[in-house]
Amino acid sequence: MIAATNAFDVEAALALFAAEALIDDPSTGERFDGKAGVREYVERFFVGYRTVTRLLSFTSAGERKARLRVDFTGDFGHEIGLLEIVTDPTGLIVRIDADLE
């Protein structure tokens, strides 16, 4: 996902998500549902702000869950983010809980 969003490749990013995916991001005050919501999220916050993400740490939190700490830079400045990502049995992302430190 980081490679796709860093390339501002919306279609490649969308291909990583299940149809019923959900992104909950309190830092934006919004929740994004389904592929349409994921598209909006990627287009607004990654393409729109020219966000580049760098992985700082990765921790497994179960068979299909991971916690990532990431460094975001872009037109907004600089932020450290936290992502909890859950995948389905096929490896598609079904949920991301995102927030800033």
C-alpha atoms as a PDB file:
ATOM      1  CA  MET A   1       0.000   0.000   0.000  1.00  0.00           C
ATOM      2  CA  ILE A   2       2.808   2.413   0.833  1.00  0.00           C
ATOM      3  CA  ALA A   3       4.439   1.848  -2.568  1.00  0.00           C
ATOM      4  CA  ALA A   4       1.139   2.461  -4.383  1.00  0.00           C
ATOM      5  CA  THR A   5       0.266   5.638  -2.475  1.00  0.00           C
ATOM      6  CA  ASN A   6       3.837   6.969  -2.767  1.00  0.00           C
ATOM      7  CA  ALA A   7       3.516   6.514  -6.544  1.00  0.00           C
ATOM      8  CA  PHE A   8       0.120   8.316  -6.386  1.00  0.00           C
ATOM      9  CA  ASP A   9      -1.306   5.243  -8.140  1.00  0.00           C
ATOM     10  CA  VAL A  10      -4.926   5.216  -7.007  1.00  0.00           C
ATOM     11  CA  GLU A  11      -5.848   2.092  -8.986  1.00  0.00           C
ATOM     12  CA  ALA A  12      -2.931   0.076  -7.565  1.00  0.00           C
ATOM     13  CA  ALA A  13      -3.896   1.142  -4.051  1.00  0.00           C
ATOM     14  CA  LEU A  14      -7.564   0.243  -4.616  1.00  0.00           C
ATOM     15  CA  ALA A  15      -6.588  -3.221  -5.841  1.00  0.00           C
ATOM     16  CA  LEU A  16      -5.262  -3.981  -2.339  1.00  0.00           C
ATOM     17  CA  PHE A  17      -8.665  -3.441  -0.658  1.00  0.00           C
ATOM     18  CA  ALA A  18     -11.693  -5.693  -0.305  1.00  0.00           C
ATOM     19  CA  ALA A  19     -14.991  -4.339  -1.652  1.00  0.00           C
ATOM     20  CA  GLU A  20     -16.342  -3.825   1.881  1.00  0.00           C
ATOM     21  CA  ALA A  21     -13.198  -2.133   3.199  1.00  0.00           C
ATOM     22  CA  LEU A  22     -13.362   0.592   5.817  1.00  0.00           C
ATOM     23  CA  ILE A  23     -10.888   3.315   6.745  1.00  0.00           C
ATOM     24  CA  ASP A  24     -11.550   5.051  10.040  1.00  0.00           C
ATOM     25  CA  ASP A  25      -9.348   8.124  10.482  1.00  0.00           C
ATOM     26  CA  PRO A  26     -10.179  10.353  13.459  1.00  0.00           C
ATOM     27  CA  SER A  27      -7.450  12.799  12.408  1.00  0.00           C
ATOM     28  CA  THR A  28      -9.642  13.719   9.423  1.00  0.00           C
ATOM     29  CA  GLY A  29     -12.871  13.477  11.402  1.00  0.00           C
ATOM     30  CA  GLU A  30     -14.196  11.019   8.838  1.00  0.00           C
ATOM     31  CA  ARG A  31     -14.784   7.364   8.082  1.00  0.00           C
ATOM     32  CA  PHE A  32     -14.472   6.022   4.533  1.00  0.00           C
ATOM     33  CA  ASP A  33     -16.580   3.022   3.497  1.00  0.00           C
ATOM     34  CA  GLY A  34     -16.178   0.629   0.576  1.00  0.00           C
ATOM     35  CA  LYS A  35     -14.055   1.049  -2.519  1.00  0.00           C
ATOM     36  CA  ALA A  36     -15.604   4.465  -3.214  1.00  0.00           C
ATOM     37  CA  GLY A  37     -14.570   5.638   0.257  1.00  0.00           C
ATOM     38  CA  VAL A  38     -11.068   4.225  -0.115  1.00  0.00           C
ATOM     39  CA  ARG A  39     -10.728   5.997  -3.476  1.00  0.00           C
ATOM     40  CA  GLU A  40     -11.801   9.294  -1.896  1.00  0.00           C
ATOM     41  CA  TYR A  41      -9.329   8.825   0.973  1.00  0.00           C
ATOM     42  CA  VAL A  42      -6.376   8.048  -1.305  1.00  0.00           C
ATOM     43  CA  GLU A  43      -7.215  10.833  -3.742  1.00  0.00           C
ATOM     44  CA  ARG A  44      -7.759  13.494  -1.053  1.00  0.00           C
ATOM     45  CA  PHE A  45      -5.065  12.699   1.467  1.00  0.00           C
ATOM     46  CA  PHE A  46      -2.307  11.083  -0.594  1.00  0.00           C
ATOM     47  CA  VAL A  47      -2.626  12.433  -4.140  1.00  0.00           C
ATOM     48  CA  GLY A  48      -4.181  15.762  -3.107  1.00  0.00           C
ATOM     49  CA  TYR A  49      -1.546  16.560  -0.477  1.00  0.00           C
ATOM     50  CA  ARG A  50       1.299  14.845  -2.378  1.00  0.00           C
ATOM     51  CA  THR A  51       1.844  12.683   0.702  1.00  0.00           C
ATOM     52  CA  VAL A  52       4.898  10.449   0.843  1.00  0.00           C
ATOM     53  CA  THR A  53       4.919   7.743   3.485  1.00  0.00           C
ATOM     54  CA  ARG A  54       7.948   6.091   5.084  1.00  0.00           C
ATOM     55  CA  LEU A  55       7.577   2.996   7.245  1.00  0.00           C
ATOM     56  CA  LEU A  56       9.115   3.486  10.702  1.00  0.00           C
ATOM     57  CA  SER A  57       7.999   0.247  12.367  1.00  0.00           C
ATOM     58  CA  PHE A  58       5.840  -2.804  11.771  1.00  0.00           C
ATOM     59  CA  THR A  59       4.402  -5.034  14.486  1.00  0.00           C
ATOM     60  CA  SER A  60       2.322  -8.141  13.903  1.00  0.00           C
ATOM     61  CA  ALA A  61      -0.839  -8.045  15.989  1.00  0.00           C
ATOM     62  CA  GLY A  62      -2.240 -11.421  14.992  1.00  0.00           C
ATOM     63  CA  GLU A  63      -2.642 -13.629  11.964  1.00  0.00           C
ATOM     64  CA  ARG A  64      -4.199 -10.909   9.785  1.00  0.00           C
ATOM     65  CA  LYS A  65      -3.524  -7.697  11.703  1.00  0.00           C
ATOM     66  CA  ALA A  66      -0.531  -5.375  11.751  1.00  0.00           C
ATOM     67  CA  ARG A  67       0.345  -2.102  13.444  1.00  0.00           C
ATOM     68  CA  LEU A  68       2.482   0.349  11.506  1.00  0.00           C
ATOM     69  CA  ARG A  69       4.109   3.566  12.607  1.00  0.00           C
ATOM     70  CA  VAL A  70       4.765   5.773   9.596  1.00  0.00           C
ATOM     71  CA  ASP A  71       6.274   9.119   8.713  1.00  0.00           C
ATOM     72  CA  PHE A  72       4.071  11.300   6.475  1.00  0.00           C
ATOM     73  CA  THR A  73       5.417  14.296   4.557  1.00  0.00           C
ATOM     74  CA  GLY A  74       3.588  16.358   1.962  1.00  0.00           C
ATOM     75  CA  ASP A  75       2.045  19.707   1.166  1.00  0.00           C
ATOM     76  CA  PHE A  76       0.625  19.769   4.723  1.00  0.00           C
ATOM     77  CA  GLY A  77       4.058  19.476   6.364  1.00  0.00           C
ATOM     78  CA  HIS A  78       5.136  16.517   8.473  1.00  0.00           C
ATOM     79  CA  GLU A  79       3.260  14.092  10.746  1.00  0.00           C
ATOM     80  CA  ILE A  80       3.852  10.720  12.381  1.00  0.00           C
ATOM     81  CA  GLY A  81       0.971   8.316  11.828  1.00  0.00           C
ATOM     82  CA  LEU A  82      -0.272   5.073  13.276  1.00  0.00           C
ATOM     83  CA  LEU A  83      -2.040   2.511  11.118  1.00  0.00           C
ATOM     84  CA  GLU A  84      -3.719  -0.677  12.281  1.00  0.00           C
ATOM     85  CA  ILE A  85      -4.410  -2.798   9.222  1.00  0.00           C
ATOM     86  CA  VAL A  86      -6.632  -5.891   9.077  1.00  0.00           C
ATOM     87  CA  THR A  87      -6.730  -8.192   6.053  1.00  0.00           C
ATOM     88  CA  ASP A  88      -9.094 -10.936   4.976  1.00  0.00           C
ATOM     89  CA  PRO A  89      -7.923 -14.535   4.383  1.00  0.00           C
ATOM     90  CA  THR A  90      -6.962 -13.652   0.786  1.00  0.00           C
ATOM     91  CA  GLY A  91      -4.736 -10.770   1.928  1.00  0.00           C
ATOM     92  CA  LEU A  92      -6.993  -7.902   0.888  1.00  0.00           C
ATOM     93  CA  ILE A  93      -7.287  -5.011   3.325  1.00  0.00           C
ATOM     94  CA  VAL A  94     -10.684  -4.933   5.049  1.00  0.00           C
ATOM     95  CA  ARG A  95     -10.021  -2.259   7.667  1.00  0.00           C
ATOM     96  CA  ILE A  96      -7.550   0.471   8.487  1.00  0.00           C
ATOM     97  CA  ASP A  97      -7.720   2.414  11.710  1.00  0.00           C
ATOM     98  CA  ALA A  98      -5.523   5.448  11.147  1.00  0.00           C
ATOM     99  CA  ASP A  99      -4.529   8.261  13.451  1.00  0.00           C
ATOM    100  CA  LEU A 100      -1.715  10.677  14.132  1.00  0.00           C
ATOM    101  CA  GLU A 101       0.645  10.545  17.113  1.00  0.00           C
END
